Amino acid sequence: MALINTQEEAIDKTVKIFDNFYYVTLNIPADQYNLVMAYFKGVCTTETIANNFTAFLFRVAQESGINAIEILESIKGTNNELELNHTMAYYMN
């Protein structure tokens, strides 16, 4: 489960995600975070799921070296929840 700590954007334009599963902290540009989180809030059934998917996407981006927005664009091409889960599983492995 991810804990999202949104920073004061007037001072610091980053968001910190504390991933309690992997025990990592990610510093993410606020504009990218807002874009990814807005998408997942729109397609996920709960905010907790949206938070977890958002944290996971940025973790994958960090580990793979792929831009988070590129990963999001590939996910946006999914047509249903099953495809979304399949795409996320692809990036997990």
N, C-alpha and C. Protein backbone atom coordinates (compact mmCIF):
# COMPACT_ATOMS: atom_id res chain seq x y z
N MET A 1 0.84 -1.16 0.00
CA MET A 1 0.00 0.00 0.00
C MET A 1 0.89 1.23 0.00
N ALA A 2 0.51 2.21 -0.73
CA ALA A 2 1.30 3.43 -0.86
C ALA A 2 0.70 4.55 -0.03
N LEU A 3 1.57 5.33 0.56
CA LEU A 3 1.17 6.52 1.28
C LEU A 3 1.60 7.71 0.45
N ILE A 4 0.65 8.55 0.06
CA ILE A 4 0.94 9.69 -0.79
C ILE A 4 1.07 10.93 0.09
N ASN A 5 2.16 11.64 -0.06
CA ASN A 5 2.38 12.86 0.68
C ASN A 5 2.52 13.99 -0.33
N THR A 6 1.45 14.71 -0.56
CA THR A 6 1.46 15.79 -1.53
C THR A 6 2.14 17.00 -0.92
N GLN A 7 3.14 17.52 -1.58
CA GLN A 7 3.89 18.67 -1.10
C GLN A 7 3.17 19.96 -1.46
N GLU A 8 3.50 21.04 -0.77
CA GLU A 8 2.97 22.37 -1.07
C GLU A 8 3.55 22.80 -2.41
N GLU A 9 2.71 22.86 -3.45
CA GLU A 9 3.21 23.12 -4.80
C GLU A 9 3.83 24.50 -4.97
N ALA A 10 3.44 25.47 -4.15
CA ALA A 10 4.03 26.80 -4.28
C ALA A 10 5.50 26.78 -3.87
N ILE A 11 5.87 25.84 -3.02
CA ILE A 11 7.23 25.76 -2.52
C ILE A 11 8.02 24.68 -3.27
N ASP A 12 7.45 23.52 -3.41
CA ASP A 12 8.13 22.37 -3.97
C ASP A 12 7.20 21.68 -4.96
N LYS A 13 7.59 21.60 -6.19
CA LYS A 13 6.71 21.03 -7.21
C LYS A 13 6.95 19.54 -7.39
N THR A 14 7.11 18.82 -6.27
CA THR A 14 7.24 17.37 -6.31
C THR A 14 6.25 16.74 -5.33
N VAL A 15 6.01 15.48 -5.56
CA VAL A 15 5.17 14.68 -4.67
C VAL A 15 6.03 13.52 -4.21
N LYS A 16 5.94 13.17 -2.92
CA LYS A 16 6.66 12.02 -2.39
C LYS A 16 5.67 10.88 -2.19
N ILE A 17 6.06 9.73 -2.66
CA ILE A 17 5.27 8.52 -2.43
C ILE A 17 6.12 7.59 -1.57
N PHE A 18 5.56 7.18 -0.44
CA PHE A 18 6.22 6.23 0.44
C PHE A 18 5.56 4.88 0.19
N ASP A 19 6.27 3.98 -0.43
CA ASP A 19 5.72 2.67 -0.76
C ASP A 19 6.07 1.71 0.38
N ASN A 20 5.08 1.36 1.17
CA ASN A 20 5.31 0.50 2.32
C ASN A 20 5.53 -0.96 1.94
N PHE A 21 5.18 -1.35 0.72
CA PHE A 21 5.39 -2.72 0.29
C PHE A 21 6.85 -2.93 -0.11
N TYR A 22 7.38 -2.01 -0.91
CA TYR A 22 8.77 -2.12 -1.37
C TYR A 22 9.73 -1.34 -0.48
N TYR A 23 9.21 -0.58 0.46
CA TYR A 23 10.01 0.25 1.36
C TYR A 23 10.91 1.22 0.58
N VAL A 24 10.30 1.93 -0.33
CA VAL A 24 11.02 2.94 -1.09
C VAL A 24 10.25 4.26 -1.03
N THR A 25 10.98 5.33 -1.27
CA THR A 25 10.38 6.65 -1.38
C THR A 25 10.67 7.15 -2.77
N LEU A 26 9.64 7.63 -3.45
CA LEU A 26 9.78 8.16 -4.80
C LEU A 26 9.48 9.65 -4.78
N ASN A 27 10.32 10.44 -5.41
CA ASN A 27 10.06 11.86 -5.61
C ASN A 27 9.62 12.03 -7.05
N ILE A 28 8.43 12.57 -7.22
CA ILE A 28 7.81 12.64 -8.54
C ILE A 28 7.42 14.08 -8.85
N PRO A 29 7.63 14.53 -10.09
CA PRO A 29 7.14 15.87 -10.45
C PRO A 29 5.61 15.93 -10.27
N ALA A 30 5.15 17.00 -9.65
CA ALA A 30 3.73 17.13 -9.31
C ALA A 30 2.83 17.08 -10.54
N ASP A 31 3.27 17.65 -11.66
CA ASP A 31 2.42 17.64 -12.85
C ASP A 31 2.22 16.22 -13.38
N GLN A 32 3.28 15.40 -13.35
CA GLN A 32 3.14 14.01 -13.78
C GLN A 32 2.25 13.22 -12.81
N TYR A 33 2.45 13.44 -11.52
CA TYR A 33 1.63 12.77 -10.52
C TYR A 33 0.16 13.09 -10.72
N ASN A 34 -0.15 14.38 -10.89
CA ASN A 34 -1.55 14.80 -11.07
C ASN A 34 -2.17 14.15 -12.29
N LEU A 35 -1.42 14.05 -13.37
CA LEU A 35 -1.93 13.45 -14.60
C LEU A 35 -2.23 11.96 -14.40
N VAL A 36 -1.29 11.25 -13.81
CA VAL A 36 -1.46 9.81 -13.60
C VAL A 36 -2.58 9.53 -12.59
N MET A 37 -2.57 10.27 -11.50
CA MET A 37 -3.59 10.06 -10.47
C MET A 37 -4.99 10.37 -10.99
N ALA A 38 -5.13 11.42 -11.78
CA ALA A 38 -6.44 11.75 -12.35
C ALA A 38 -6.95 10.62 -13.23
N TYR A 39 -6.06 10.02 -14.02
CA TYR A 39 -6.48 8.91 -14.87
C TYR A 39 -6.97 7.75 -14.02
N PHE A 40 -6.16 7.34 -13.03
CA PHE A 40 -6.54 6.18 -12.23
C PHE A 40 -7.78 6.44 -11.37
N LYS A 41 -7.98 7.65 -10.92
CA LYS A 41 -9.21 7.97 -10.19
C LYS A 41 -10.43 7.78 -11.09
N GLY A 42 -10.25 8.04 -12.37
CA GLY A 42 -11.36 7.90 -13.31
C GLY A 42 -11.69 6.47 -13.68
N VAL A 43 -10.71 5.56 -13.58
CA VAL A 43 -10.95 4.18 -14.02
C VAL A 43 -11.00 3.18 -12.88
N CYS A 44 -10.53 3.56 -11.70
CA CYS A 44 -10.53 2.63 -10.56
C CYS A 44 -11.79 2.82 -9.72
N THR A 45 -12.15 1.77 -9.01
CA THR A 45 -13.39 1.82 -8.23
C THR A 45 -13.23 2.50 -6.88
N THR A 46 -12.01 2.58 -6.36
CA THR A 46 -11.78 3.27 -5.09
C THR A 46 -10.54 4.15 -5.18
N GLU A 47 -10.45 5.11 -4.28
CA GLU A 47 -9.27 5.98 -4.26
C GLU A 47 -8.03 5.20 -3.81
N THR A 48 -8.22 4.22 -2.95
CA THR A 48 -7.09 3.39 -2.50
C THR A 48 -6.47 2.65 -3.67
N ILE A 49 -7.30 2.09 -4.53
CA ILE A 49 -6.79 1.40 -5.71
C ILE A 49 -6.08 2.38 -6.63
N ALA A 50 -6.66 3.55 -6.82
CA ALA A 50 -6.03 4.59 -7.66
C ALA A 50 -4.68 4.99 -7.08
N ASN A 51 -4.59 5.15 -5.76
CA ASN A 51 -3.31 5.48 -5.12
C ASN A 51 -2.27 4.39 -5.36
N ASN A 52 -2.68 3.14 -5.19
CA ASN A 52 -1.75 2.02 -5.37
C ASN A 52 -1.28 1.90 -6.81
N PHE A 53 -2.20 2.02 -7.77
CA PHE A 53 -1.81 1.94 -9.17
C PHE A 53 -0.89 3.10 -9.54
N THR A 54 -1.16 4.28 -9.01
CA THR A 54 -0.31 5.45 -9.28
C THR A 54 1.09 5.21 -8.75
N ALA A 55 1.18 4.76 -7.51
CA ALA A 55 2.49 4.48 -6.91
C ALA A 55 3.22 3.40 -7.70
N PHE A 56 2.49 2.37 -8.08
CA PHE A 56 3.10 1.28 -8.83
C PHE A 56 3.63 1.76 -10.18
N LEU A 57 2.86 2.58 -10.87
CA LEU A 57 3.29 3.07 -12.18
C LEU A 57 4.60 3.84 -12.05
N PHE A 58 4.71 4.68 -11.05
CA PHE A 58 5.95 5.44 -10.88
C PHE A 58 7.10 4.55 -10.44
N ARG A 59 6.81 3.51 -9.69
CA ARG A 59 7.86 2.55 -9.30
C ARG A 59 8.38 1.82 -10.53
N VAL A 60 7.48 1.39 -11.39
CA VAL A 60 7.87 0.73 -12.64
C VAL A 60 8.70 1.67 -13.50
N ALA A 61 8.27 2.92 -13.59
CA ALA A 61 9.01 3.91 -14.38
C ALA A 61 10.44 4.06 -13.86
N GLN A 62 10.56 4.13 -12.54
CA GLN A 62 11.89 4.28 -11.94
C GLN A 62 12.76 3.06 -12.22
N GLU A 63 12.22 1.88 -12.03
CA GLU A 63 12.99 0.65 -12.18
C GLU A 63 13.34 0.35 -13.64
N SER A 64 12.43 0.67 -14.55
CA SER A 64 12.63 0.32 -15.97
C SER A 64 13.32 1.41 -16.77
N GLY A 65 13.28 2.63 -16.25
CA GLY A 65 13.84 3.74 -17.01
C GLY A 65 12.91 4.26 -18.10
N ILE A 66 11.69 3.77 -18.11
CA ILE A 66 10.68 4.22 -19.07
C ILE A 66 9.94 5.40 -18.46
N ASN A 67 9.69 6.42 -19.24
CA ASN A 67 8.97 7.60 -18.76
C ASN A 67 7.58 7.19 -18.29
N ALA A 68 7.18 7.71 -17.12
CA ALA A 68 5.88 7.36 -16.54
C ALA A 68 4.72 7.72 -17.46
N ILE A 69 4.84 8.82 -18.18
CA ILE A 69 3.76 9.23 -19.09
C ILE A 69 3.64 8.27 -20.27
N GLU A 70 4.77 7.71 -20.73
CA GLU A 70 4.72 6.71 -21.79
C GLU A 70 4.00 5.45 -21.31
N ILE A 71 4.27 5.04 -20.09
CA ILE A 71 3.58 3.88 -19.53
C ILE A 71 2.09 4.18 -19.41
N LEU A 72 1.76 5.37 -18.94
CA LEU A 72 0.35 5.76 -18.82
C LEU A 72 -0.35 5.71 -20.17
N GLU A 73 0.31 6.19 -21.21
CA GLU A 73 -0.29 6.18 -22.54
C GLU A 73 -0.57 4.75 -23.01
N SER A 74 0.31 3.81 -22.70
CA SER A 74 0.04 2.43 -23.09
C SER A 74 -1.11 1.84 -22.29
N ILE A 75 -1.25 2.28 -21.05
CA ILE A 75 -2.36 1.81 -20.22
C ILE A 75 -3.68 2.40 -20.68
N LYS A 76 -3.65 3.65 -21.13
CA LYS A 76 -4.88 4.30 -21.59
C LYS A 76 -5.50 3.58 -22.77
N GLY A 77 -4.72 2.78 -23.49
CA GLY A 77 -5.26 2.05 -24.63
C GLY A 77 -6.10 0.85 -24.25
N THR A 78 -6.17 0.53 -22.95
CA THR A 78 -6.96 -0.63 -22.53
C THR A 78 -8.44 -0.28 -22.55
N ASN A 79 -9.25 -1.28 -22.84
CA ASN A 79 -10.69 -1.06 -23.00
C ASN A 79 -11.52 -1.47 -21.80
N ASN A 80 -10.93 -2.24 -20.89
CA ASN A 80 -11.71 -2.69 -19.74
C ASN A 80 -10.78 -3.02 -18.58
N GLU A 81 -11.37 -3.35 -17.45
CA GLU A 81 -10.59 -3.59 -16.24
C GLU A 81 -9.65 -4.78 -16.39
N LEU A 82 -10.08 -5.82 -17.10
CA LEU A 82 -9.24 -6.99 -17.30
C LEU A 82 -7.99 -6.62 -18.10
N GLU A 83 -8.16 -5.85 -19.16
CA GLU A 83 -7.01 -5.41 -19.95
C GLU A 83 -6.09 -4.51 -19.13
N LEU A 84 -6.67 -3.64 -18.30
CA LEU A 84 -5.87 -2.77 -17.44
C LEU A 84 -5.02 -3.61 -16.50
N ASN A 85 -5.63 -4.61 -15.87
CA ASN A 85 -4.89 -5.49 -14.97
C ASN A 85 -3.81 -6.26 -15.71
N HIS A 86 -4.11 -6.71 -16.91
CA HIS A 86 -3.13 -7.45 -17.72
C HIS A 86 -1.94 -6.54 -18.07
N THR A 87 -2.23 -5.31 -18.46
CA THR A 87 -1.16 -4.38 -18.80
C THR A 87 -0.31 -4.06 -17.58
N MET A 88 -0.93 -3.85 -16.43
CA MET A 88 -0.17 -3.58 -15.22
C MET A 88 0.68 -4.80 -14.83
N ALA A 89 0.13 -6.00 -15.01
CA ALA A 89 0.89 -7.21 -14.71
C ALA A 89 2.09 -7.34 -15.62
N TYR A 90 1.95 -6.93 -16.88
CA TYR A 90 3.07 -6.96 -17.82
C TYR A 90 4.23 -6.11 -17.27
N TYR A 91 3.93 -4.93 -16.79
CA TYR A 91 4.96 -4.07 -16.26
C TYR A 91 5.52 -4.56 -14.93
N MET A 92 4.73 -5.30 -14.17
CA MET A 92 5.20 -5.83 -12.89
C MET A 92 6.29 -6.88 -13.11
N ASN A 93 6.19 -7.60 -14.20
CA ASN A 93 7.15 -8.68 -14.45
C ASN A 93 8.25 -8.15 -15.30
